[in-house]
Amino acid sequence: MSKLILVRHGQSVYNQKNIFTGWTDIELSLQGEKEAKQAGELLKKNMIYPDICFTSWLKRAIHTTQIILKELEWEHIDVCKSWKLNERHYGAWQGKNKEEIKKNVGEKIFSSIRRGYETPPPPLKENDKRLPIFEKKYQNIDPHLLPKSESLKDTQRRVLNYYFEKIVPFLAQNKDVLISAHGNSLRALAMYIENIDKNTIMEYEIPTGEIIIYNFDNILKLNSKIILKSKLPTSPPNKI
């Protein structure tokens, strides 16, 4: 038996302002820090202590991980970081207000890109300084692998690649694994694990700070899914 524990990072400053974040490296808001702390408290209350943790290269997920492990008094475990667990890259929409984008492109196009599976936002141009190739931390990554924009399908491809290569081997050893990541990278993984179709995934939402626990049997067949929710006052709805 093994557990896969998914935690969406706490609310970020951009979440708070209703701005598309993507790969922009934005810090947690004060509310987000509280959500991360309560996620750790919920895991501790339910006696859930992971054997290893995985997170992205974005500090809102990294800091959520650190806060959770501190609350658990479980900071000795290994934390593996990968850009493949980063949020979906929102291309030219990154840093833009969601309501303003919706006004500009219309509800139908906005919805198909924001919540759909196959349609990416407009890509960043070759010389745009928001491109990952201009960030020091991505300089050792093959530039052909770094996105200018991503659909959820694109995000799922890299997330599942990392999941099977690095995470599944621990689950196969009956280890409990914590992944602290992002709304879309976790939606992409949940879509695979729960066998969610591309129409249903449009309505699938993981709130900030929420915990999803998958219990697997010895052959990694999904036995059950449990959701642990924060009791903090909730912010206005802010879908990914």
Protein backbone atom coordinates (compact mmCIF):
# COMPACT_ATOMS: atom_id res chain seq x y z
CA MET A 1 0.00 0.00 0.00
CA SER A 2 1.24 3.49 -0.84
CA LYS A 3 -0.13 7.02 -0.71
CA LEU A 4 0.27 9.80 -3.23
CA ILE A 5 -0.44 13.13 -1.54
CA LEU A 6 -1.09 16.10 -3.82
CA VAL A 7 -1.10 19.64 -2.45
CA ARG A 8 -1.72 22.72 -4.54
CA HIS A 9 0.47 25.56 -3.26
CA GLY A 10 -1.14 28.20 -1.09
CA GLN A 11 -2.61 31.32 -2.62
CA SER A 12 0.03 33.39 -4.44
CA VAL A 13 0.16 37.16 -4.79
CA TYR A 14 -0.97 36.77 -8.42
CA ASN A 15 -3.84 34.44 -7.41
CA GLN A 16 -4.93 37.16 -5.02
CA LYS A 17 -4.92 39.75 -7.84
CA ASN A 18 -6.59 37.42 -10.40
CA ILE A 19 -3.54 37.47 -12.69
CA PHE A 20 -2.32 34.62 -14.91
CA THR A 21 0.87 33.35 -13.28
CA GLY A 22 2.22 30.35 -15.19
CA TRP A 23 6.00 30.15 -14.89
CA THR A 24 6.28 33.65 -13.36
CA ASP A 25 8.05 33.06 -10.04
CA ILE A 26 5.63 34.75 -7.65
CA GLU A 27 5.65 34.47 -3.85
CA LEU A 28 2.85 33.24 -1.59
CA SER A 29 0.43 35.80 -0.19
CA LEU A 30 -0.14 35.95 3.58
CA GLN A 31 -3.31 33.93 2.97
CA GLY A 32 -1.23 31.41 1.02
CA GLU A 33 1.22 31.00 3.90
CA LYS A 34 -1.72 30.31 6.22
CA GLU A 35 -3.15 27.77 3.75
CA ALA A 36 0.21 25.96 3.56
CA LYS A 37 0.47 25.93 7.35
CA GLN A 38 -3.00 24.47 7.69
CA ALA A 39 -2.18 21.83 5.04
CA GLY A 40 0.70 20.74 7.26
CA GLU A 41 -1.58 20.75 10.30
CA LEU A 42 -4.16 18.61 8.46
CA LEU A 43 -1.55 16.04 7.46
CA LYS A 44 -0.24 15.93 11.03
CA LYS A 45 -3.75 15.55 12.46
CA ASN A 46 -4.35 12.61 10.11
CA MET A 47 -0.95 11.07 10.90
CA ILE A 48 0.23 11.30 7.29
CA TYR A 49 4.01 11.55 7.05
CA PRO A 50 5.48 11.20 3.54
CA ASP A 51 8.70 9.31 2.85
CA ILE A 52 9.79 11.73 0.13
CA CYS A 53 8.57 14.97 -1.40
CA PHE A 54 8.56 16.39 -4.93
CA THR A 55 7.97 19.97 -5.98
CA SER A 56 8.51 22.37 -8.88
CA TRP A 57 11.16 25.03 -9.47
CA LEU A 58 8.71 27.82 -8.58
CA LYS A 59 8.99 29.34 -5.12
CA ARG A 60 5.27 29.39 -4.33
CA ALA A 61 5.33 25.58 -4.45
CA ILE A 62 8.77 25.28 -2.82
CA HIS A 63 7.78 27.52 0.09
CA THR A 64 4.49 25.66 0.51
CA THR A 65 6.54 22.45 0.79
CA GLN A 66 8.84 24.00 3.38
CA ILE A 67 5.93 25.26 5.49
CA ILE A 68 4.16 21.89 5.36
CA LEU A 69 7.26 19.93 6.41
CA LYS A 70 7.95 22.40 9.20
CA GLU A 71 4.42 21.95 10.56
CA LEU A 72 4.84 18.18 10.36
CA GLU A 73 8.24 18.44 12.09
CA TRP A 74 9.35 16.27 9.18
CA GLU A 75 12.04 18.36 7.52
CA HIS A 76 14.61 15.57 7.32
CA ILE A 77 13.07 13.89 4.26
CA ASP A 78 14.42 14.43 0.75
CA VAL A 79 12.75 17.11 -1.37
CA CYS A 80 13.27 16.64 -5.12
CA LYS A 81 12.63 19.61 -7.40
CA SER A 82 11.92 19.59 -11.13
CA TRP A 83 10.82 22.15 -13.71
CA LYS A 84 8.61 19.39 -15.13
CA LEU A 85 6.25 19.94 -12.18
CA ASN A 86 5.99 23.68 -12.94
CA GLU A 87 2.63 25.27 -13.58
CA ARG A 88 1.29 25.34 -17.11
CA HIS A 89 3.05 28.04 -19.14
CA TYR A 90 0.46 30.69 -20.03
CA GLY A 91 2.50 32.27 -22.80
CA ALA A 92 1.57 35.85 -23.67
CA TRP A 93 -1.18 35.78 -21.02
CA GLN A 94 1.32 35.57 -18.16
CA GLY A 95 1.19 38.64 -15.95
CA LYS A 96 -2.15 39.74 -17.43
CA ASN A 97 -5.43 40.16 -15.55
CA LYS A 98 -7.86 37.33 -16.30
CA GLU A 99 -10.94 39.52 -16.58
CA GLU A 100 -9.21 41.86 -19.01
CA ILE A 101 -8.12 38.93 -21.19
CA LYS A 102 -11.68 37.57 -21.18
CA LYS A 103 -13.04 40.95 -22.34
CA ASN A 104 -10.49 41.07 -25.16
CA VAL A 105 -10.93 37.54 -26.55
CA GLY A 106 -14.52 36.69 -25.58
CA GLU A 107 -15.95 34.08 -23.24
CA LYS A 108 -15.82 31.14 -25.65
CA ILE A 109 -12.15 31.48 -26.62
CA PHE A 110 -11.19 32.37 -23.06
CA SER A 111 -12.89 29.27 -21.63
CA SER A 112 -11.48 26.90 -24.28
CA ILE A 113 -7.94 28.08 -23.52
CA ARG A 114 -8.16 28.52 -19.77
CA ARG A 115 -10.09 25.39 -18.86
CA GLY A 116 -9.80 23.22 -21.99
CA TYR A 117 -7.35 20.43 -22.72
CA GLU A 118 -5.83 21.03 -26.14
CA THR A 119 -5.77 24.79 -26.83
CA PRO A 120 -2.76 26.85 -25.66
CA PRO A 121 -2.71 30.61 -25.07
CA PRO A 122 -0.85 32.80 -27.60
CA PRO A 123 2.89 32.05 -27.36
CA LEU A 124 5.54 34.47 -26.23
CA LYS A 125 7.58 36.02 -29.04
CA GLU A 126 11.18 34.94 -29.61
CA ASN A 127 12.74 37.96 -27.88
CA ASP A 128 10.28 38.20 -24.97
CA LYS A 129 12.20 38.39 -21.69
CA ARG A 130 9.50 36.29 -20.01
CA LEU A 131 10.73 33.23 -21.94
CA PRO A 132 12.37 30.58 -19.71
CA ILE A 133 15.49 30.63 -21.90
CA PHE A 134 16.28 34.07 -20.48
CA GLU A 135 16.12 32.85 -16.86
CA LYS A 136 19.36 31.65 -15.30
CA LYS A 137 17.83 28.62 -13.60
CA TYR A 138 16.73 27.13 -16.94
CA GLN A 139 20.03 27.65 -18.75
CA ASN A 140 21.09 24.01 -18.43
CA ILE A 141 17.81 22.73 -19.89
CA ASP A 142 17.59 21.93 -23.61
CA PRO A 143 15.94 25.11 -24.98
CA HIS A 144 13.81 22.97 -27.31
CA LEU A 145 12.10 21.53 -24.21
CA LEU A 146 11.22 24.90 -22.72
CA PRO A 147 7.77 26.20 -23.67
CA LYS A 148 6.66 29.51 -25.12
CA SER A 149 3.07 28.55 -24.22
CA GLU A 150 1.30 25.33 -23.17
CA SER A 151 -2.08 23.67 -23.31
CA LEU A 152 -3.09 21.36 -20.48
CA LYS A 153 -2.21 18.50 -22.84
CA ASP A 154 1.34 19.85 -23.19
CA THR A 155 1.60 20.22 -19.42
CA GLN A 156 0.36 16.68 -18.90
CA ARG A 157 3.01 15.30 -21.24
CA ARG A 158 5.93 16.63 -19.19
CA VAL A 159 4.27 15.94 -15.82
CA LEU A 160 3.55 12.31 -16.67
CA ASN A 161 7.05 11.87 -18.05
CA TYR A 162 8.44 12.91 -14.67
CA TYR A 163 5.79 10.97 -12.74
CA PHE A 164 6.65 7.65 -14.35
CA GLU A 165 10.40 8.24 -14.36
CA LYS A 166 10.90 9.58 -10.83
CA ILE A 167 7.78 9.18 -8.68
CA VAL A 168 6.22 5.83 -9.59
CA PRO A 169 9.36 3.89 -8.51
CA PHE A 170 8.83 5.14 -4.93
CA LEU A 171 5.13 4.27 -4.99
CA ALA A 172 6.07 0.80 -6.26
CA GLN A 173 8.24 0.41 -3.14
CA ASN A 174 5.20 1.20 -0.95
CA LYS A 175 6.53 4.64 -0.12
CA ASP A 176 4.22 7.57 0.64
CA VAL A 177 4.93 10.48 -1.70
CA LEU A 178 4.01 14.15 -1.33
CA ILE A 179 3.82 16.37 -4.43
CA SER A 180 3.50 20.09 -3.75
CA ALA A 181 2.81 21.74 -7.08
CA HIS A 182 0.33 23.81 -9.09
CA GLY A 183 -3.28 23.86 -10.18
CA ASN A 184 -2.63 22.69 -13.73
CA SER A 185 0.32 20.37 -13.17
CA LEU A 186 -1.79 18.60 -10.52
CA ARG A 187 -4.94 18.65 -12.69
CA ALA A 188 -2.89 17.01 -15.44
CA LEU A 189 -1.75 14.27 -13.06
CA ALA A 190 -5.21 13.79 -11.52
CA MET A 191 -6.66 13.50 -15.03
CA TYR A 192 -4.45 10.48 -15.65
CA ILE A 193 -4.86 8.85 -12.23
CA GLU A 194 -8.65 9.26 -12.13
CA ASN A 195 -9.12 8.60 -15.87
CA ILE A 196 -10.92 11.92 -16.38
CA ASP A 197 -11.90 12.74 -19.95
CA LYS A 198 -10.98 16.02 -21.64
CA ASN A 199 -14.52 17.42 -21.35
CA THR A 200 -14.91 16.67 -17.64
CA ILE A 201 -11.47 18.09 -16.80
CA MET A 202 -12.78 21.55 -17.73
CA GLU A 203 -14.77 21.60 -14.49
CA TYR A 204 -12.14 19.88 -12.33
CA GLU A 205 -10.75 22.32 -9.80
CA ILE A 206 -8.11 22.01 -7.05
CA PRO A 207 -8.33 24.98 -4.66
CA THR A 208 -5.16 26.48 -3.22
CA GLY A 209 -3.99 24.59 -0.14
CA GLU A 210 -6.27 21.62 -0.77
CA ILE A 211 -4.92 18.10 -0.20
CA ILE A 212 -5.81 15.10 -2.35
CA ILE A 213 -4.72 11.66 -1.14
CA TYR A 214 -4.68 8.67 -3.48
CA ASN A 215 -4.34 5.24 -1.89
CA PHE A 216 -2.84 2.55 -4.14
CA ASP A 217 -2.61 -1.21 -3.70
CA ASN A 218 0.57 -3.25 -4.22
CA ILE A 219 0.20 -3.19 -8.02
CA LEU A 220 -0.53 0.57 -8.03
CA LYS A 221 -4.23 0.19 -8.66
CA LEU A 222 -6.14 3.13 -7.24
CA ASN A 223 -8.10 2.03 -4.16
CA SER A 224 -9.49 5.30 -2.88
CA LYS A 225 -9.35 9.08 -3.01
CA ILE A 226 -9.61 11.34 0.03
CA ILE A 227 -9.77 15.15 0.08
CA LEU A 228 -8.64 17.15 3.10
CA LYS A 229 -9.89 20.74 3.02
CA SER A 230 -8.68 23.82 4.82
CA LYS A 231 -11.03 25.46 7.31
CA LEU A 232 -9.61 28.91 6.62
CA PRO A 233 -12.01 31.58 5.32
CA THR A 234 -12.02 31.12 1.57
CA SER A 235 -11.08 33.78 -0.96
CA PRO A 236 -13.47 34.60 -3.82
CA PRO A 237 -13.54 31.74 -6.38
CA ASN A 238 -10.38 31.88 -8.49
CA LYS A 239 -10.19 29.08 -10.99
CA ILE A 240 -6.85 28.24 -12.52
